[in-house]
Protein backbone atom coordinates (compact mmCIF):
# COMPACT_ATOMS: atom_id res chain seq x y z
CA MET A 1 136.36 121.75 211.63
CA ASN A 2 135.08 118.40 212.69
CA THR A 3 136.21 118.39 216.47
CA ARG A 4 134.10 115.47 217.22
CA ARG A 5 135.90 113.12 214.82
CA LEU A 6 139.31 114.56 215.85
CA ALA A 7 138.39 113.64 219.47
CA THR A 8 137.09 109.99 218.60
CA THR A 9 140.49 109.51 216.68
CA GLY A 10 142.42 110.93 219.80
CA VAL A 11 140.85 108.24 222.17
CA ALA A 12 142.13 105.60 219.78
CA ILE A 13 145.38 107.06 219.81
CA VAL A 14 145.49 107.16 223.70
CA ALA A 15 143.98 103.81 224.02
CA ALA A 16 146.85 102.16 222.08
CA LEU A 17 149.63 104.47 223.44
CA SER A 18 149.15 105.41 227.07
CA LEU A 19 150.28 101.81 228.24
CA GLY A 20 153.14 101.84 226.03
CA LEU A 21 155.24 104.28 227.93
CA THR A 22 154.18 107.69 226.02
CA GLY A 23 154.50 105.66 222.79
CA CYS A 24 155.98 107.43 219.95
CA GLY A 25 157.52 105.56 217.45
CA THR A 26 157.33 103.74 214.25
CA LYS A 27 158.44 101.50 211.67
CA THR A 28 161.01 99.40 213.77
CA ASP A 29 162.59 96.34 212.86
CA ALA A 30 160.63 93.50 214.71
CA GLY A 31 162.22 91.60 217.41
CA THR A 32 165.60 94.03 217.51
CA PRO A 33 165.70 95.65 220.64
CA ALA A 34 166.74 99.36 220.17
CA GLY A 35 169.00 101.06 222.78
CA ASN A 36 172.78 102.34 222.88
CA GLY A 37 173.58 99.01 224.64
CA THR A 38 172.75 95.84 223.02
CA GLY A 39 173.69 93.34 225.43
CA ALA A 40 171.29 91.84 227.78
CA ALA A 41 171.06 92.34 231.71
CA PRO A 42 172.53 89.74 233.79
CA ALA A 43 170.31 86.75 234.46
CA THR A 44 168.58 86.12 238.02
CA SER A 45 166.30 83.93 239.41
CA SER A 46 163.98 86.77 240.50
CA ALA A 47 160.92 86.41 242.51
CA PRO A 48 157.89 88.03 240.95
CA ALA A 49 158.30 91.33 243.50
CA ASP A 50 161.75 91.31 242.40
CA ALA A 51 160.87 91.18 238.70
CA ARG A 52 158.34 93.87 239.28
CA ALA A 53 161.15 96.09 240.89
CA GLU A 54 163.55 95.49 238.20
CA LEU A 55 161.23 96.50 235.37
CA SER A 56 160.01 99.61 237.22
CA ALA A 57 163.36 100.56 237.71
CA ALA A 58 164.03 100.06 234.01
CA ALA A 59 160.92 102.08 233.17
CA GLN A 60 161.77 104.96 235.33
CA LYS A 61 164.86 105.76 233.43
CA LEU A 62 162.60 107.07 230.60
CA ASN A 63 161.96 109.97 232.94
CA GLN A 64 165.51 110.59 233.44
CA GLN A 65 167.07 111.19 229.83
CA SER A 66 165.95 111.93 226.27
CA VAL A 67 165.16 109.19 224.42
CA ARG A 68 163.92 108.11 220.72
CA MET A 69 160.80 105.96 220.42
CA LYS A 70 159.40 104.09 217.88
CA LEU A 71 156.05 102.04 217.60
CA LYS A 72 154.75 99.65 215.16
CA SER A 73 151.26 98.03 215.29
CA ALA A 74 148.49 96.84 212.86
CA VAL A 75 146.69 100.06 213.13
CA ILE A 76 149.36 102.95 214.18
CA ASN A 77 152.81 103.28 213.46
CA GLY A 78 154.67 106.37 214.56
CA SER A 79 158.04 107.80 215.67
CA GLY A 80 159.27 110.66 217.93
CA VAL A 81 161.87 111.91 220.52
CA MET A 82 161.37 113.62 223.81
CA ASP A 83 163.26 115.32 226.58
CA PRO A 84 161.48 114.53 230.08
CA ALA A 85 164.19 117.17 231.78
CA THR A 86 163.05 119.91 229.31
CA LYS A 87 159.51 118.82 228.60
CA THR A 88 159.93 119.05 224.90
CA GLY A 89 159.05 116.62 222.24
CA ASP A 90 158.16 115.75 218.56
CA MET A 91 155.80 113.11 218.09
CA THR A 92 154.33 111.82 214.69
CA MET A 93 151.47 109.16 214.46
CA LYS A 94 150.62 107.53 211.38
CA MET A 95 146.93 106.33 211.40
CA GLY A 96 146.87 104.59 208.05
CA THR A 97 143.75 105.74 206.21
CA GLY A 98 142.99 107.89 209.52
CA GLY A 99 145.50 110.41 208.94
CA THR A 100 148.73 111.72 210.52
CA PHE A 101 149.11 113.44 213.75
CA ARG A 102 152.06 115.33 214.54
CA VAL A 103 152.41 116.70 218.08
CA LEU A 104 154.95 119.47 219.38
CA MET A 105 155.64 119.87 222.94
CA LEU A 106 157.51 122.96 224.43
CA GLY A 107 156.92 123.25 228.16
CA ASP A 108 153.39 124.21 228.63
CA ASP A 109 152.69 124.60 225.00
CA ALA A 110 151.28 121.73 222.68
CA TYR A 111 151.04 122.10 219.10
CA LEU A 112 149.00 119.92 217.02
CA LYS A 113 148.78 119.36 213.05
CA ILE A 114 146.84 116.60 211.52
CA SER A 115 147.20 115.65 207.69
CA GLY A 116 145.15 113.52 205.35
CA MET A 117 142.01 114.07 207.34
CA PRO A 118 139.25 116.16 205.54
CA GLY A 119 138.37 119.09 207.42
CA MET A 120 141.24 119.78 209.47
CA PRO A 121 143.08 122.89 209.51
CA LYS A 122 146.30 123.21 207.76
CA LYS A 123 147.66 125.38 210.42
CA TRP A 124 149.42 124.24 213.85
CA MET A 125 146.73 124.14 216.59
CA HIS A 126 148.10 125.38 219.87
CA MET A 127 146.98 124.16 223.17
CA ASP A 128 147.98 124.86 226.89
CA ALA A 129 149.01 121.71 227.87
CA THR A 130 148.52 122.51 231.74
CA LYS A 131 144.58 122.35 230.49
CA LEU A 132 144.59 118.86 229.07
CA GLY A 133 144.64 117.11 232.43
CA GLU A 134 147.21 114.44 233.88
CA SER A 135 145.37 111.88 231.47
CA GLY A 136 144.61 114.25 228.87
CA GLN A 137 144.93 112.67 225.20
CA LEU A 138 147.57 115.32 224.07
CA ASN A 139 149.56 115.42 227.27
CA LEU A 140 152.22 113.36 226.29
CA MET A 141 154.29 114.22 229.22
CA PRO A 142 152.48 114.52 232.52
CA GLU A 143 153.89 116.17 235.32
CA GLY A 144 155.98 113.91 237.44
CA ASP A 145 155.92 111.17 235.04
CA PRO A 146 156.89 112.70 231.84
CA GLY A 147 158.14 109.33 230.34
CA GLY A 148 154.94 107.64 231.39
CA ALA A 149 156.75 105.00 233.53
CA LYS A 150 154.53 105.50 236.49
CA GLN A 151 151.49 104.83 234.48
CA MET A 152 152.90 101.86 232.81
CA ILE A 153 154.11 100.22 236.16
CA ASP A 154 150.96 101.12 237.92
CA SER A 155 148.86 99.14 235.31
CA VAL A 156 150.97 95.87 235.53
CA VAL A 157 148.78 92.91 237.31
CA ASP A 158 151.79 90.63 237.26
CA VAL A 159 155.18 90.08 235.86
CA GLU A 160 157.70 87.34 235.97
CA LYS A 161 161.46 87.55 234.62
CA THR A 162 161.67 85.20 231.92
CA GLY A 163 165.17 85.18 230.94
CA ALA A 164 168.28 87.51 230.66
CA GLY A 165 166.81 91.02 230.40
CA THR A 166 163.44 89.66 229.52
CA PHE A 167 160.00 89.85 231.07
CA ALA A 168 156.38 88.79 230.70
CA GLY A 169 153.35 89.57 232.37
CA THR A 170 149.67 91.17 232.21
CA LEU A 171 148.38 94.63 232.32
CA ASP A 172 144.92 96.05 233.36
CA TYR A 173 144.28 99.19 231.24
CA THR A 174 141.41 100.04 233.88
CA ARG A 175 143.87 100.93 236.66
CA THR A 176 144.90 104.02 234.91
CA LYS A 177 141.98 104.61 232.38
CA ALA A 178 139.09 103.79 234.82
CA ASN A 179 137.21 106.68 233.64
CA ASP A 180 138.05 106.22 229.80
CA GLU A 181 134.77 105.45 227.87
CA SER A 182 136.74 103.50 225.24
CA ILE A 183 138.48 101.49 228.21
CA LYS A 184 135.16 100.95 229.59
CA ALA A 185 133.51 99.74 226.36
CA LEU A 186 136.02 96.98 226.39
CA GLY A 187 134.55 95.29 229.76
CA ASP A 188 136.86 92.71 231.12
CA LYS A 189 138.96 92.36 227.96
CA ALA A 190 140.72 95.53 229.35
CA LYS A 191 142.01 93.95 232.54
CA ALA A 192 144.26 91.04 231.27
CA VAL A 193 146.06 92.50 228.34
CA PRO A 194 149.60 90.02 227.82
CA PHE A 195 152.78 91.94 227.49
CA THR A 196 156.78 91.47 227.52
CA ALA A 197 159.47 93.67 227.74
CA LYS A 198 163.14 93.61 227.34
CA VAL A 199 165.96 95.77 229.19
CA ASP A 200 169.63 96.30 227.97
CA ASP A 201 172.92 95.86 229.64
CA GLN A 202 172.47 99.18 231.39
CA ASN A 203 169.10 98.06 232.77
CA ARG A 204 167.00 100.32 230.51
CA LEU A 205 163.58 99.71 228.98
CA VAL A 206 164.46 99.36 225.02
CA GLU A 207 161.27 97.21 223.92
CA PHE A 208 157.74 96.85 225.18
CA VAL A 209 155.16 94.65 223.53
CA ILE A 210 151.38 94.67 224.00
CA ASP A 211 149.23 92.05 222.65
CA THR A 212 146.34 93.88 221.83
CA SER A 213 144.60 91.07 219.76
CA VAL A 214 143.08 89.98 222.93
CA LEU A 215 140.81 93.43 222.66
CA HIS A 216 140.49 92.78 218.85
CA GLU A 217 141.82 89.94 216.84
CA ALA A 218 142.58 92.70 214.07
CA LEU A 219 144.74 94.73 216.43
CA GLY A 220 147.95 92.13 216.59
CA LYS A 221 150.76 93.46 218.67
CA MET A 222 152.22 96.64 219.64
CA THR A 223 155.69 97.17 219.66
CA THR A 224 157.36 100.18 221.35
CA THR A 225 161.29 100.51 221.32
CA TYR A 226 163.47 102.79 222.96
CA SER A 227 166.85 104.08 222.04
CA ASP A 228 169.45 106.86 221.35
CA PHE A 229 169.21 107.59 225.25
CA GLY A 230 170.63 110.98 226.28
CA ALA A 231 170.96 112.51 222.53
CA PRO A 232 169.93 116.06 222.36
CA VAL A 233 166.32 117.06 221.49
CA SER A 234 165.56 120.16 219.42
CA VAL A 235 162.17 121.40 219.03
CA ARG A 236 161.42 124.51 217.15
CA LYS A 237 158.12 126.57 217.93
CA PRO A 238 155.76 127.07 214.58
CA ALA A 239 155.84 130.43 213.24
CA ALA A 240 152.72 132.61 214.49
CA SER A 241 151.88 132.88 210.88
CA GLU A 242 151.50 129.26 210.86
CA THR A 243 149.48 128.88 214.21
CA GLN A 244 146.05 129.21 215.20
CA GLU A 245 144.53 128.74 219.03
CA ALA A 246 142.67 125.34 219.35
CA PRO A 247 138.97 125.55 219.59
CA ALA A 248 137.83 125.04 223.36
CA GLU A 249 135.69 122.27 222.39
CA LEU A 250 138.70 120.39 221.33
CA ILE A 251 140.77 121.23 224.14
CA LYS A 252 137.88 120.11 226.58
CA ALA A 253 137.97 116.80 224.46
CA MET A 254 141.48 116.27 224.70
CA GLY A 255 141.73 117.18 228.21
CA SER A 256 139.12 114.46 229.60
């Protein structure tokens, strides 16, 4: 199995998704915020500190209840559901010609299956999620921050409220991925990445858009939306006959 190639692809996934709040998602109607509530939050004339507090509170709600996520970008499209309370999730990411990754999370167990990529096993690869580290590439729901809200807020350099339930600001990838080689390679570009965000009438984050074109013009914008808050999440463990243990080399690579 070409685990080196898999690990490299994993880095690309994390670089794109980690600041998009766990980002699992897919084809979504551009410009249409997801969520059970469609109304905008009340308009205020917030100071920057208040805007950060509002956005932080809205993002933290992703740690409090189950949610469906959709992501759309020029290079990655995906969808998934997760329940932070039970640490269960089912995420599918399509990398174009790079294949399709599907990850199942069941507590401390992670299962990965890759299709459309030569040399990959046809079975699910099982990993102990506790060995993937807090920033591990397959640790989609890290302990204490399963929805990824803290990681996103910690990366915010500045933010302002631009309207009723809308925000705009700048992210610094190096604040949360200081040791990631792919982030280091981006240099200063990674320290000033524009974003916009929307919250619904229940002050929940429902859309997060990162302008990754500043990292490379071909990347364009990456849009993550959140909906179906509180809906049941059911994830079935793969049968033993359809599962194999992931190689130690792969676990080490994905946990770095």
